[in-house]
PDB file of N, CA and C in Angstrom:
ATOM      1  N   MET A   1     -56.911 -52.295 -30.679  1.00  0.00           N
ATOM      2  CA  MET A   1     -57.606 -51.965 -32.309  1.00  0.00           C
ATOM      3  C   MET A   1     -57.895 -50.485 -32.136  1.00  0.00           C
ATOM      4  N   ALA A   2     -58.814 -50.094 -31.144  1.00  0.00           N
ATOM      5  CA  ALA A   2     -59.484 -48.630 -31.282  1.00  0.00           C
ATOM      6  C   ALA A   2     -58.498 -47.373 -30.820  1.00  0.00           C
ATOM      7  N   VAL A   3     -57.362 -47.936 -30.319  1.00  0.00           N
ATOM      8  CA  VAL A   3     -56.372 -47.086 -30.249  1.00  0.00           C
ATOM      9  C   VAL A   3     -55.572 -46.783 -31.808  1.00  0.00           C
ATOM     10  N   ALA A   4     -55.276 -47.576 -32.269  1.00  0.00           N
ATOM     11  CA  ALA A   4     -54.799 -47.353 -33.358  1.00  0.00           C
ATOM     12  C   ALA A   4     -55.663 -46.672 -34.341  1.00  0.00           C
ATOM     13  N   VAL A   5     -56.774 -46.633 -34.696  1.00  0.00           N
ATOM     14  CA  VAL A   5     -57.794 -45.938 -35.164  1.00  0.00           C
ATOM     15  C   VAL A   5     -57.231 -44.619 -34.759  1.00  0.00           C
ATOM     16  N   ARG A   6     -57.793 -44.279 -33.322  1.00  0.00           N
ATOM     17  CA  ARG A   6     -57.828 -43.239 -33.078  1.00  0.00           C
ATOM     18  C   ARG A   6     -56.201 -42.427 -33.302  1.00  0.00           C
ATOM     19  N   ARG A   7     -55.435 -43.244 -32.998  1.00  0.00           N
ATOM     20  CA  ARG A   7     -53.951 -42.356 -33.641  1.00  0.00           C
ATOM     21  C   ARG A   7     -53.981 -42.182 -34.954  1.00  0.00           C
ATOM     22  N   GLY A   8     -54.564 -42.901 -35.969  1.00  0.00           N
ATOM     23  CA  GLY A   8     -54.193 -42.861 -37.348  1.00  0.00           C
ATOM     24  C   GLY A   8     -55.315 -41.369 -38.082  1.00  0.00           C
ATOM     25  N   THR A   9     -56.806 -41.204 -36.850  1.00  0.00           N
ATOM     26  CA  THR A   9     -57.555 -40.361 -36.875  1.00  0.00           C
ATOM     27  C   THR A   9     -56.875 -38.774 -36.758  1.00  0.00           C
ATOM     28  N   VAL A  10     -56.100 -38.982 -35.700  1.00  0.00           N
ATOM     29  CA  VAL A  10     -55.359 -37.971 -34.720  1.00  0.00           C
ATOM     30  C   VAL A  10     -54.361 -37.380 -35.914  1.00  0.00           C
ATOM     31  N   ALA A  11     -53.886 -38.430 -36.471  1.00  0.00           N
ATOM     32  CA  ALA A  11     -52.542 -38.008 -37.324  1.00  0.00           C
ATOM     33  C   ALA A  11     -52.800 -37.393 -38.378  1.00  0.00           C
ATOM     34  N   MET A  12     -53.954 -37.807 -39.123  1.00  0.00           N
ATOM     35  CA  MET A  12     -54.896 -37.266 -40.235  1.00  0.00           C
ATOM     36  C   MET A  12     -55.250 -35.617 -39.622  1.00  0.00           C
ATOM     37  N   ALA A  13     -55.373 -35.449 -38.597  1.00  0.00           N
ATOM     38  CA  ALA A  13     -56.051 -34.168 -38.199  1.00  0.00           C
ATOM     39  C   ALA A  13     -54.956 -33.333 -38.459  1.00  0.00           C
ATOM     40  N   VAL A  14     -53.932 -33.539 -37.732  1.00  0.00           N
ATOM     41  CA  VAL A  14     -52.622 -32.791 -37.580  1.00  0.00           C
ATOM     42  C   VAL A  14     -52.166 -32.812 -38.935  1.00  0.00           C
ATOM     43  N   VAL A  15     -52.298 -33.446 -39.937  1.00  0.00           N
ATOM     44  CA  VAL A  15     -51.637 -33.562 -41.301  1.00  0.00           C
ATOM     45  C   VAL A  15     -52.489 -32.373 -42.006  1.00  0.00           C
ATOM     46  N   ILE A  16     -53.738 -32.095 -41.967  1.00  0.00           N
ATOM     47  CA  ILE A  16     -54.738 -31.350 -42.717  1.00  0.00           C
ATOM     48  C   ILE A  16     -54.296 -30.459 -42.015  1.00  0.00           C
ATOM     49  N   LEU A  17     -54.307 -29.786 -40.658  1.00  0.00           N
ATOM     50  CA  LEU A  17     -53.992 -28.682 -40.252  1.00  0.00           C
ATOM     51  C   LEU A  17     -53.095 -27.983 -40.586  1.00  0.00           C
ATOM     52  N   VAL A  18     -51.858 -28.780 -40.470  1.00  0.00           N
ATOM     53  CA  VAL A  18     -50.240 -28.369 -41.091  1.00  0.00           C
ATOM     54  C   VAL A  18     -50.572 -27.760 -42.605  1.00  0.00           C
ATOM     55  N   LEU A  19     -51.276 -28.615 -43.530  1.00  0.00           N
ATOM     56  CA  LEU A  19     -51.112 -28.037 -44.421  1.00  0.00           C
ATOM     57  C   LEU A  19     -52.213 -26.725 -44.767  1.00  0.00           C
ATOM     58  N   THR A  20     -53.077 -26.756 -43.996  1.00  0.00           N
ATOM     59  CA  THR A  20     -53.633 -25.593 -44.012  1.00  0.00           C
ATOM     60  C   THR A  20     -53.081 -24.556 -43.721  1.00  0.00           C
ATOM     61  N   GLN A  21     -52.355 -24.646 -42.621  1.00  0.00           N
ATOM     62  CA  GLN A  21     -51.623 -23.475 -42.362  1.00  0.00           C
ATOM     63  C   GLN A  21     -50.559 -23.044 -43.266  1.00  0.00           C
ATOM     64  N   LEU A  22     -49.636 -24.147 -43.579  1.00  0.00           N
ATOM     65  CA  LEU A  22     -48.890 -24.019 -44.675  1.00  0.00           C
ATOM     66  C   LEU A  22     -49.384 -23.583 -45.907  1.00  0.00           C
ATOM     67  N   MET A  23     -50.515 -23.418 -46.595  1.00  0.00           N
ATOM     68  CA  MET A  23     -51.358 -22.783 -47.785  1.00  0.00           C
ATOM     69  C   MET A  23     -51.262 -21.773 -47.370  1.00  0.00           C
ATOM     70  N   PHE A  24     -51.660 -21.179 -45.918  1.00  0.00           N
ATOM     71  CA  PHE A  24     -52.062 -19.396 -45.687  1.00  0.00           C
ATOM     72  C   PHE A  24     -50.501 -18.932 -45.942  1.00  0.00           C
ATOM     73  N   VAL A  25     -49.677 -19.555 -45.384  1.00  0.00           N
ATOM     74  CA  VAL A  25     -47.854 -19.058 -45.706  1.00  0.00           C
ATOM     75  C   VAL A  25     -47.529 -18.769 -46.805  1.00  0.00           C
ATOM     76  N   VAL A  26     -47.768 -19.985 -47.790  1.00  0.00           N
ATOM     77  CA  VAL A  26     -47.209 -19.886 -49.072  1.00  0.00           C
ATOM     78  C   VAL A  26     -47.663 -18.938 -49.974  1.00  0.00           C
ATOM     79  N   ASP A  27     -49.391 -18.677 -49.821  1.00  0.00           N
ATOM     80  CA  ASP A  27     -49.909 -17.494 -50.180  1.00  0.00           C
ATOM     81  C   ASP A  27     -49.389 -16.661 -50.150  1.00  0.00           C
ATOM     82  N   THR A  28     -49.162 -15.714 -49.014  1.00  0.00           N
ATOM     83  CA  THR A  28     -48.195 -14.762 -48.733  1.00  0.00           C
ATOM     84  C   THR A  28     -46.873 -14.371 -49.340  1.00  0.00           C
ATOM     85  N   SER A  29     -46.416 -15.496 -48.965  1.00  0.00           N
ATOM     86  CA  SER A  29     -45.150 -15.138 -49.752  1.00  0.00           C
ATOM     87  C   SER A  29     -45.423 -15.379 -51.507  1.00  0.00           C
ATOM     88  N   ILE A  30     -46.160 -16.003 -52.107  1.00  0.00           N
ATOM     89  CA  ILE A  30     -46.476 -15.961 -53.245  1.00  0.00           C
ATOM     90  C   ILE A  30     -46.661 -14.556 -54.055  1.00  0.00           C
ATOM     91  N   VAL A  31     -47.773 -13.759 -53.193  1.00  0.00           N
ATOM     92  CA  VAL A  31     -48.441 -12.902 -53.571  1.00  0.00           C
ATOM     93  C   VAL A  31     -47.343 -11.618 -53.165  1.00  0.00           C
ATOM     94  N   ASN A  32     -46.609 -11.759 -52.127  1.00  0.00           N
ATOM     95  CA  ASN A  32     -44.988 -10.787 -51.944  1.00  0.00           C
ATOM     96  C   ASN A  32     -44.406 -10.838 -52.998  1.00  0.00           C
ATOM     97  N   VAL A  33     -44.051 -12.406 -53.501  1.00  0.00           N
ATOM     98  CA  VAL A  33     -43.309 -12.418 -54.898  1.00  0.00           C
ATOM     99  C   VAL A  33     -43.919 -11.752 -56.083  1.00  0.00           C
ATOM    100  N   ALA A  34     -45.204 -11.760 -56.240  1.00  0.00           N
ATOM    101  CA  ALA A  34     -45.523 -11.247 -57.386  1.00  0.00           C
ATOM    102  C   ALA A  34     -46.012  -9.806 -57.396  1.00  0.00           C
ATOM    103  N   LEU A  35     -45.774  -9.264 -56.095  1.00  0.00           N
ATOM    104  CA  LEU A  35     -46.518  -7.949 -56.143  1.00  0.00           C
ATOM    105  C   LEU A  35     -45.504  -6.711 -57.470  1.00  0.00           C
ATOM    106  N   PRO A  36     -44.335  -7.153 -57.742  1.00  0.00           N
ATOM    107  CA  PRO A  36     -43.877  -5.834 -59.267  1.00  0.00           C
ATOM    108  C   PRO A  36     -44.725  -6.951 -60.562  1.00  0.00           C
ATOM    109  N   ASP A  37     -44.840  -7.705 -60.624  1.00  0.00           N
ATOM    110  CA  ASP A  37     -45.928  -8.364 -62.057  1.00  0.00           C
ATOM    111  C   ASP A  37     -47.219  -7.678 -61.575  1.00  0.00           C
ATOM    112  N   ILE A  38     -47.972  -7.880 -60.561  1.00  0.00           N
ATOM    113  CA  ILE A  38     -48.853  -7.890 -60.335  1.00  0.00           C
ATOM    114  C   ILE A  38     -49.334  -6.192 -60.504  1.00  0.00           C
ATOM    115  N   GLY A  39     -48.243  -5.040 -60.216  1.00  0.00           N
ATOM    116  CA  GLY A  39     -48.567  -3.850 -60.097  1.00  0.00           C
ATOM    117  C   GLY A  39     -48.316  -3.330 -61.715  1.00  0.00           C
ATOM    118  N   ARG A  40     -47.983  -4.219 -62.567  1.00  0.00           N
ATOM    119  CA  ARG A  40     -47.655  -4.009 -63.886  1.00  0.00           C
ATOM    120  C   ARG A  40     -49.007  -4.355 -65.091  1.00  0.00           C
ATOM    121  N   GLU A  41     -49.318  -5.356 -64.495  1.00  0.00           N
ATOM    122  CA  GLU A  41     -50.405  -6.394 -65.250  1.00  0.00           C
ATOM    123  C   GLU A  41     -51.828  -5.244 -64.955  1.00  0.00           C
ATOM    124  N   LEU A  42     -52.228  -4.725 -63.645  1.00  0.00           N
ATOM    125  CA  LEU A  42     -53.084  -4.194 -63.312  1.00  0.00           C
ATOM    126  C   LEU A  42     -52.963  -2.905 -63.128  1.00  0.00           C
ATOM    127  N   GLY A  43     -51.664  -2.231 -63.470  1.00  0.00           N
ATOM    128  CA  GLY A  43     -51.565  -1.093 -63.432  1.00  0.00           C
ATOM    129  C   GLY A  43     -51.550  -0.494 -61.677  1.00  0.00           C
ATOM    130  N   PHE A  44     -51.135  -1.038 -61.004  1.00  0.00           N
ATOM    131  CA  PHE A  44     -51.370  -0.331 -59.361  1.00  0.00           C
ATOM    132  C   PHE A  44     -50.303   0.376 -59.357  1.00  0.00           C
ATOM    133  N   SER A  45     -50.557   1.560 -58.629  1.00  0.00           N
ATOM    134  CA  SER A  45     -49.342   2.410 -57.973  1.00  0.00           C
ATOM    135  C   SER A  45     -49.056   1.872 -56.958  1.00  0.00           C
ATOM    136  N   SER A  46     -47.488   2.369 -56.726  1.00  0.00           N
ATOM    137  CA  SER A  46     -46.869   2.129 -55.334  1.00  0.00           C
ATOM    138  C   SER A  46     -47.637   1.822 -54.193  1.00  0.00           C
ATOM    139  N   ALA A  47     -48.661   2.907 -54.342  1.00  0.00           N
ATOM    140  CA  ALA A  47     -49.634   2.842 -52.661  1.00  0.00           C
ATOM    141  C   ALA A  47     -50.639   1.861 -53.018  1.00  0.00           C
ATOM    142  N   GLY A  48     -50.806   1.765 -54.075  1.00  0.00           N
ATOM    143  CA  GLY A  48     -52.096   0.822 -53.916  1.00  0.00           C
ATOM    144  C   GLY A  48     -51.619  -0.981 -53.945  1.00  0.00           C
ATOM    145  N   LEU A  49     -50.419  -1.232 -54.383  1.00  0.00           N
ATOM    146  CA  LEU A  49     -49.499  -2.453 -54.200  1.00  0.00           C
ATOM    147  C   LEU A  49     -49.920  -2.571 -52.820  1.00  0.00           C
ATOM    148  N   SER A  50     -49.420  -1.624 -51.951  1.00  0.00           N
ATOM    149  CA  SER A  50     -49.495  -1.864 -50.303  1.00  0.00           C
ATOM    150  C   SER A  50     -50.661  -2.688 -49.811  1.00  0.00           C
ATOM    151  N   TRP A  51     -51.792  -2.116 -50.772  1.00  0.00           N
ATOM    152  CA  TRP A  51     -53.359  -2.627 -50.110  1.00  0.00           C
ATOM    153  C   TRP A  51     -53.389  -4.275 -50.498  1.00  0.00           C
ATOM    154  N   VAL A  52     -52.704  -4.601 -51.554  1.00  0.00           N
ATOM    155  CA  VAL A  52     -52.726  -5.881 -51.567  1.00  0.00           C
ATOM    156  C   VAL A  52     -52.417  -6.702 -50.398  1.00  0.00           C
ATOM    157  N   ILE A  53     -51.509  -6.208 -49.907  1.00  0.00           N
ATOM    158  CA  ILE A  53     -50.969  -7.011 -48.629  1.00  0.00           C
ATOM    159  C   ILE A  53     -51.938  -6.602 -47.293  1.00  0.00           C
ATOM    160  N   THR A  54     -52.082  -5.196 -47.176  1.00  0.00           N
ATOM    161  CA  THR A  54     -52.826  -4.785 -46.171  1.00  0.00           C
ATOM    162  C   THR A  54     -54.318  -5.502 -46.181  1.00  0.00           C
ATOM    163  N   ALA A  55     -55.197  -5.283 -47.147  1.00  0.00           N
ATOM    164  CA  ALA A  55     -56.469  -5.910 -47.083  1.00  0.00           C
ATOM    165  C   ALA A  55     -56.401  -7.137 -45.934  1.00  0.00           C
ATOM    166  N   TYR A  56     -55.440  -8.048 -47.010  1.00  0.00           N
ATOM    167  CA  TYR A  56     -55.252  -9.086 -46.291  1.00  0.00           C
ATOM    168  C   TYR A  56     -55.038  -9.283 -44.577  1.00  0.00           C
ATOM    169  N   ALA A  57     -53.935  -8.859 -44.156  1.00  0.00           N
ATOM    170  CA  ALA A  57     -53.267  -8.201 -43.035  1.00  0.00           C
ATOM    171  C   ALA A  57     -54.567  -7.965 -41.974  1.00  0.00           C
ATOM    172  N   LEU A  58     -55.142  -6.707 -42.579  1.00  0.00           N
ATOM    173  CA  LEU A  58     -56.025  -6.211 -41.776  1.00  0.00           C
ATOM    174  C   LEU A  58     -57.332  -6.948 -41.238  1.00  0.00           C
ATOM    175  N   THR A  59     -57.625  -7.901 -42.104  1.00  0.00           N
ATOM    176  CA  THR A  59     -58.849  -8.637 -42.271  1.00  0.00           C
ATOM    177  C   THR A  59     -58.753  -9.964 -41.354  1.00  0.00           C
ATOM    178  N   PHE A  60     -57.466 -10.496 -41.408  1.00  0.00           N
ATOM    179  CA  PHE A  60     -57.364 -11.396 -40.939  1.00  0.00           C
ATOM    180  C   PHE A  60     -56.664 -11.147 -39.394  1.00  0.00           C
ATOM    181  N   GLY A  61     -56.171  -9.804 -38.957  1.00  0.00           N
ATOM    182  CA  GLY A  61     -55.901  -9.402 -37.943  1.00  0.00           C
ATOM    183  C   GLY A  61     -57.107  -8.844 -37.096  1.00  0.00           C
ATOM    184  N   GLY A  62     -58.023  -8.722 -37.691  1.00  0.00           N
ATOM    185  CA  GLY A  62     -58.845  -7.724 -37.034  1.00  0.00           C
ATOM    186  C   GLY A  62     -60.273  -8.945 -36.803  1.00  0.00           C
ATOM    187  N   LEU A  63     -60.357  -9.958 -37.486  1.00  0.00           N
ATOM    188  CA  LEU A  63     -61.247 -11.295 -37.373  1.00  0.00           C
ATOM    189  C   LEU A  63     -60.762 -12.539 -36.594  1.00  0.00           C
ATOM    190  N   ILE A  64     -59.529 -12.676 -36.062  1.00  0.00           N
ATOM    191  CA  ILE A  64     -58.917 -14.217 -35.892  1.00  0.00           C
ATOM    192  C   ILE A  64     -59.918 -13.877 -34.266  1.00  0.00           C
ATOM    193  N   LEU A  65     -59.679 -12.823 -33.493  1.00  0.00           N
ATOM    194  CA  LEU A  65     -60.382 -13.330 -32.296  1.00  0.00           C
ATOM    195  C   LEU A  65     -61.761 -13.298 -32.505  1.00  0.00           C
ATOM    196  N   LEU A  66     -62.759 -12.557 -33.323  1.00  0.00           N
ATOM    197  CA  LEU A  66     -64.009 -13.049 -33.437  1.00  0.00           C
ATOM    198  C   LEU A  66     -64.536 -14.786 -33.995  1.00  0.00           C
ATOM    199  N   SER A  67     -63.464 -14.904 -34.776  1.00  0.00           N
ATOM    200  CA  SER A  67     -63.422 -16.263 -35.178  1.00  0.00           C
ATOM    201  C   SER A  67     -63.036 -17.231 -34.660  1.00  0.00           C
ATOM    202  N   GLY A  68     -62.438 -17.048 -33.387  1.00  0.00           N
ATOM    203  CA  GLY A  68     -62.122 -17.850 -32.290  1.00  0.00           C
ATOM    204  C   GLY A  68     -63.454 -18.564 -31.601  1.00  0.00           C
ATOM    205  N   LYS A  69     -64.437 -17.510 -31.573  1.00  0.00           N
ATOM    206  CA  LYS A  69     -65.762 -17.212 -30.938  1.00  0.00           C
ATOM    207  C   LYS A  69     -66.482 -18.247 -31.815  1.00  0.00           C
ATOM    208  N   VAL A  70     -66.338 -17.884 -33.212  1.00  0.00           N
ATOM    209  CA  VAL A  70     -67.363 -18.322 -34.052  1.00  0.00           C
ATOM    210  C   VAL A  70     -67.092 -19.969 -34.174  1.00  0.00           C
ATOM    211  N   GLY A  71     -65.906 -20.307 -34.036  1.00  0.00           N
ATOM    212  CA  GLY A  71     -65.543 -21.503 -34.259  1.00  0.00           C
ATOM    213  C   GLY A  71     -66.099 -22.810 -32.860  1.00  0.00           C
ATOM    214  N   SER A  72     -65.746 -21.881 -31.738  1.00  0.00           N
ATOM    215  CA  SER A  72     -66.772 -22.521 -30.698  1.00  0.00           C
ATOM    216  C   SER A  72     -67.506 -22.916 -30.865  1.00  0.00           C
ATOM    217  N   VAL A  73     -68.827 -21.772 -31.191  1.00  0.00           N
ATOM    218  CA  VAL A  73     -70.257 -22.046 -31.610  1.00  0.00           C
ATOM    219  C   VAL A  73     -70.462 -23.131 -32.485  1.00  0.00           C
ATOM    220  N   ILE A  74     -69.828 -23.127 -33.641  1.00  0.00           N
ATOM    221  CA  ILE A  74     -70.451 -23.869 -35.019  1.00  0.00           C
ATOM    222  C   ILE A  74     -69.499 -25.262 -34.891  1.00  0.00           C
ATOM    223  N   GLY A  75     -68.625 -25.254 -34.054  1.00  0.00           N
ATOM    224  CA  GLY A  75     -67.552 -26.222 -34.362  1.00  0.00           C
ATOM    225  C   GLY A  75     -66.406 -25.909 -34.695  1.00  0.00           C
ATOM    226  N   PRO A  76     -65.181 -26.685 -34.301  1.00  0.00           N
ATOM    227  CA  PRO A  76     -64.092 -26.269 -35.257  1.00  0.00           C
ATOM    228  C   PRO A  76     -64.048 -26.975 -36.203  1.00  0.00           C
ATOM    229  N   ARG A  77     -64.440 -27.949 -36.635  1.00  0.00           N
ATOM    230  CA  ARG A  77     -64.395 -28.586 -37.973  1.00  0.00           C
ATOM    231  C   ARG A  77     -65.122 -28.306 -39.093  1.00  0.00           C
ATOM    232  N   ARG A  78     -66.308 -27.499 -38.523  1.00  0.00           N
ATOM    233  CA  ARG A  78     -67.095 -26.680 -39.525  1.00  0.00           C
ATOM    234  C   ARG A  78     -66.670 -25.503 -39.820  1.00  0.00           C
ATOM    235  N   ALA A  79     -65.872 -24.683 -38.636  1.00  0.00           N
ATOM    236  CA  ALA A  79     -64.911 -23.593 -38.894  1.00  0.00           C
ATOM    237  C   ALA A  79     -63.990 -23.615 -39.822  1.00  0.00           C
ATOM    238  N   LEU A  80     -63.438 -24.928 -39.839  1.00  0.00           N
ATOM    239  CA  LEU A  80     -62.193 -25.015 -40.558  1.00  0.00           C
ATOM    240  C   LEU A  80     -62.602 -24.853 -42.131  1.00  0.00           C
ATOM    241  N   LEU A  81     -63.328 -25.798 -41.874  1.00  0.00           N
ATOM    242  CA  LEU A  81     -64.376 -26.043 -44.032  1.00  0.00           C
ATOM    243  C   LEU A  81     -64.457 -24.906 -44.330  1.00  0.00           C
ATOM    244  N   LEU A  82     -65.345 -24.303 -43.580  1.00  0.00           N
ATOM    245  CA  LEU A  82     -66.077 -23.026 -43.912  1.00  0.00           C
ATOM    246  C   LEU A  82     -64.961 -22.139 -44.403  1.00  0.00           C
ATOM    247  N   GLY A  83     -64.001 -21.564 -43.429  1.00  0.00           N
ATOM    248  CA  GLY A  83     -63.072 -20.653 -43.455  1.00  0.00           C
ATOM    249  C   GLY A  83     -61.958 -21.176 -44.888  1.00  0.00           C
ATOM    250  N   VAL A  84     -61.648 -22.538 -44.907  1.00  0.00           N
ATOM    251  CA  VAL A  84     -60.937 -22.841 -46.284  1.00  0.00           C
ATOM    252  C   VAL A  84     -61.561 -22.634 -47.583  1.00  0.00           C
ATOM    253  N   THR A  85     -62.951 -22.984 -47.719  1.00  0.00           N
ATOM    254  CA  THR A  85     -63.532 -22.700 -48.569  1.00  0.00           C
ATOM    255  C   THR A  85     -64.000 -21.297 -49.307  1.00  0.00           C
ATOM    256  N   VAL A  86     -64.077 -19.958 -48.110  1.00  0.00           N
ATOM    257  CA  VAL A  86     -63.791 -18.930 -47.904  1.00  0.00           C
ATOM    258  C   VAL A  86     -62.503 -18.324 -48.751  1.00  0.00           C
ATOM    259  N   PHE A  87     -61.388 -19.232 -48.422  1.00  0.00           N
ATOM    260  CA  PHE A  87     -60.235 -18.784 -48.565  1.00  0.00           C
ATOM    261  C   PHE A  87     -59.814 -19.190 -50.266  1.00  0.00           C
ATOM    262  N   VAL A  88     -60.262 -20.420 -50.775  1.00  0.00           N
ATOM    263  CA  VAL A  88     -60.046 -20.825 -52.064  1.00  0.00           C
ATOM    264  C   VAL A  88     -60.563 -20.191 -52.974  1.00  0.00           C
ATOM    265  N   ILE A  89     -62.293 -19.710 -52.421  1.00  0.00           N
ATOM    266  CA  ILE A  89     -63.098 -18.969 -53.398  1.00  0.00           C
ATOM    267  C   ILE A  89     -62.151 -17.590 -53.708  1.00  0.00           C
ATOM    268  N   ALA A  90     -61.879 -17.008 -52.720  1.00  0.00           N
ATOM    269  CA  ALA A  90     -61.346 -15.608 -52.671  1.00  0.00           C
ATOM    270  C   ALA A  90     -59.788 -15.799 -53.385  1.00  0.00           C
ATOM    271  N   SER A  91     -59.214 -17.139 -53.351  1.00  0.00           N
ATOM    272  CA  SER A  91     -57.948 -16.878 -54.112  1.00  0.00           C
ATOM    273  C   SER A  91     -58.421 -16.808 -55.663  1.00  0.00           C
ATOM    274  N   ILE A  92     -59.299 -17.993 -56.224  1.00  0.00           N
ATOM    275  CA  ILE A  92     -59.843 -17.884 -57.315  1.00  0.00           C
ATOM    276  C   ILE A  92     -60.454 -16.491 -57.970  1.00  0.00           C
ATOM    277  N   ILE A  93     -60.628 -15.714 -57.224  1.00  0.00           N
ATOM    278  CA  ILE A  93     -61.272 -14.544 -57.454  1.00  0.00           C
ATOM    279  C   ILE A  93     -60.369 -13.520 -57.671  1.00  0.00           C
ATOM    280  N   GLY A  94     -59.079 -13.560 -56.824  1.00  0.00           N
ATOM    281  CA  GLY A  94     -57.926 -12.765 -57.017  1.00  0.00           C
ATOM    282  C   GLY A  94     -57.574 -13.246 -58.359  1.00  0.00           C
ATOM    283  N   GLY A  95     -57.158 -14.361 -58.564  1.00  0.00           N
ATOM    284  CA  GLY A  95     -56.245 -14.925 -59.703  1.00  0.00           C
ATOM    285  C   GLY A  95     -57.176 -14.309 -61.123  1.00  0.00           C
ATOM    286  N   LEU A  96     -58.203 -14.191 -61.045  1.00  0.00           N
ATOM    287  CA  LEU A  96     -58.960 -13.835 -61.990  1.00  0.00           C
ATOM    288  C   LEU A  96     -59.329 -12.385 -62.300  1.00  0.00           C
ATOM    289  N   ALA A  97     -58.889 -11.413 -61.107  1.00  0.00           N
ATOM    290  CA  ALA A  97     -59.363 -10.036 -61.202  1.00  0.00           C
ATOM    291  C   ALA A  97     -58.709  -9.580 -62.209  1.00  0.00           C
ATOM    292  N   GLY A  98     -59.557  -8.755 -62.701  1.00  0.00           N
ATOM    293  CA  GLY A  98     -58.933  -7.417 -63.781  1.00  0.00           C
ATOM    294  C   GLY A  98     -58.845  -6.364 -63.444  1.00  0.00           C
ATOM    295  N   SER A  99     -59.108  -5.825 -62.331  1.00  0.00           N
ATOM    296  CA  SER A  99     -59.082  -4.721 -61.701  1.00  0.00           C
ATOM    297  C   SER A  99     -58.759  -4.826 -60.479  1.00  0.00           C
ATOM    298  N   VAL A 100     -58.198  -3.346 -59.755  1.00  0.00           N
ATOM    299  CA  VAL A 100     -57.303  -3.268 -58.332  1.00  0.00           C
ATOM    300  C   VAL A 100     -58.650  -3.488 -57.508  1.00  0.00           C
ATOM    301  N   GLY A 101     -59.581  -3.423 -57.831  1.00  0.00           N
ATOM    302  CA  GLY A 101     -60.859  -3.118 -56.625  1.00  0.00           C
ATOM    303  C   GLY A 101     -60.921  -4.655 -56.128  1.00  0.00           C
ATOM    304  N   PHE A 102     -61.012  -5.493 -57.506  1.00  0.00           N
ATOM    305  CA  PHE A 102     -61.480  -6.817 -57.321  1.00  0.00           C
ATOM    306  C   PHE A 102     -60.240  -7.614 -56.544  1.00  0.00           C
ATOM    307  N   LEU A 103     -59.381  -7.556 -56.920  1.00  0.00           N
ATOM    308  CA  LEU A 103     -58.387  -8.119 -56.581  1.00  0.00           C
ATOM    309  C   LEU A 103     -57.839  -7.550 -54.779  1.00  0.00           C
ATOM    310  N   VAL A 104     -57.680  -6.332 -54.405  1.00  0.00           N
ATOM    311  CA  VAL A 104     -58.000  -5.936 -53.021  1.00  0.00           C
ATOM    312  C   VAL A 104     -58.981  -6.411 -52.279  1.00  0.00           C
ATOM    313  N   GLY A 105     -60.390  -6.545 -52.971  1.00  0.00           N
ATOM    314  CA  GLY A 105     -61.439  -7.089 -52.059  1.00  0.00           C
ATOM    315  C   GLY A 105     -61.528  -8.567 -51.959  1.00  0.00           C
ATOM    316  N   ALA A 106     -60.760  -9.561 -53.056  1.00  0.00           N
ATOM    317  CA  ALA A 106     -60.319 -10.662 -53.003  1.00  0.00           C
ATOM    318  C   ALA A 106     -59.221 -11.212 -51.865  1.00  0.00           C
ATOM    319  N   ARG A 107     -58.386 -10.116 -52.008  1.00  0.00           N
ATOM    320  CA  ARG A 107     -57.320 -10.386 -50.629  1.00  0.00           C
ATOM    321  C   ARG A 107     -57.788 -10.165 -49.475  1.00  0.00           C
ATOM    322  N   ALA A 108     -58.832  -9.295 -49.201  1.00  0.00           N
ATOM    323  CA  ALA A 108     -59.611  -9.267 -48.073  1.00  0.00           C
ATOM    324  C   ALA A 108     -60.441 -10.261 -47.800  1.00  0.00           C
ATOM    325  N   LEU A 109     -61.062 -10.816 -48.746  1.00  0.00           N
ATOM    326  CA  LEU A 109     -61.737 -12.010 -48.069  1.00  0.00           C
ATOM    327  C   LEU A 109     -61.021 -13.365 -48.021  1.00  0.00           C
ATOM    328  N   GLN A 110     -59.883 -13.316 -48.567  1.00  0.00           N
ATOM    329  CA  GLN A 110     -58.983 -14.504 -48.321  1.00  0.00           C
ATOM    330  C   GLN A 110     -58.820 -14.123 -46.596  1.00  0.00           C
ATOM    331  N   GLY A 111     -58.287 -12.754 -46.341  1.00  0.00           N
ATOM    332  CA  GLY A 111     -57.890 -12.981 -44.706  1.00  0.00           C
ATOM    333  C   GLY A 111     -59.145 -13.114 -44.016  1.00  0.00           C
ATOM    334  N   VAL A 112     -60.338 -13.300 -44.240  1.00  0.00           N
ATOM    335  CA  VAL A 112     -61.470 -13.347 -43.601  1.00  0.00           C
ATOM    336  C   VAL A 112     -61.782 -15.210 -43.362  1.00  0.00           C
ATOM    337  N   GLY A 113     -61.074 -15.547 -44.421  1.00  0.00           N
ATOM    338  CA  GLY A 113     -61.439 -17.284 -44.745  1.00  0.00           C
ATOM    339  C   GLY A 113     -60.223 -17.738 -44.072  1.00  0.00           C
ATOM    340  N   ALA A 114     -58.995 -16.762 -43.979  1.00  0.00           N
ATOM    341  CA  ALA A 114     -57.988 -17.542 -43.164  1.00  0.00           C
ATOM    342  C   ALA A 114     -58.300 -17.552 -41.677  1.00  0.00           C
ATOM    343  N   ALA A 115     -58.690 -16.482 -41.224  1.00  0.00           N
ATOM    344  CA  ALA A 115     -59.185 -15.717 -39.835  1.00  0.00           C
ATOM    345  C   ALA A 115     -60.198 -16.871 -39.216  1.00  0.00           C
ATOM    346  N   LEU A 116     -60.796 -17.493 -40.181  1.00  0.00           N
ATOM    347  CA  LEU A 116     -62.135 -18.253 -39.899  1.00  0.00           C
ATOM    348  C   LEU A 116     -61.271 -19.668 -39.568  1.00  0.00           C
ATOM    349  N   ALA A 117     -60.262 -19.788 -40.387  1.00  0.00           N
ATOM    350  CA  ALA A 117     -59.553 -21.144 -40.073  1.00  0.00           C
ATOM    351  C   ALA A 117     -58.712 -21.375 -39.243  1.00  0.00           C
ATOM    352  N   ALA A 118     -58.216 -20.437 -39.207  1.00  0.00           N
ATOM    353  CA  ALA A 118     -56.493 -20.537 -38.248  1.00  0.00           C
ATOM    354  C   ALA A 118     -56.955 -21.227 -36.651  1.00  0.00           C
ATOM    355  N   PRO A 119     -57.779 -20.617 -36.283  1.00  0.00           N
ATOM    356  CA  PRO A 119     -57.992 -20.844 -34.865  1.00  0.00           C
ATOM    357  C   PRO A 119     -58.763 -22.753 -34.773  1.00  0.00           C
ATOM    358  N   ALA A 120     -59.275 -22.980 -35.708  1.00  0.00           N
ATOM    359  CA  ALA A 120     -59.372 -24.436 -35.684  1.00  0.00           C
ATOM    360  C   ALA A 120     -58.475 -25.192 -35.560  1.00  0.00           C
TER     361      ALA A 120
END
């Protein structure tokens, strides 16, 4: 009986982790597809549009090793929940952004959230 409960718990954890990683990948794909519309709506230059992608990539890549250590200190479950929460809040801010600075800042914050959640 205890084994069946454990398997269900492990299976649920795997499903949650897979869906979290899928959310990060789908977000990146959506932003790449939406870049022309973002440029028109917010008045981005071509160089400015690259910062929408670069802000996320820099913060994610720069913080992923550090966030692995943070996750081991505060616990992987807490790190995952904190990272997903930061990512979702940053996504909302990015969706409501009315200026170039807010969108690039929101994308950088999304990178922080993804970096915190990914090692978990």
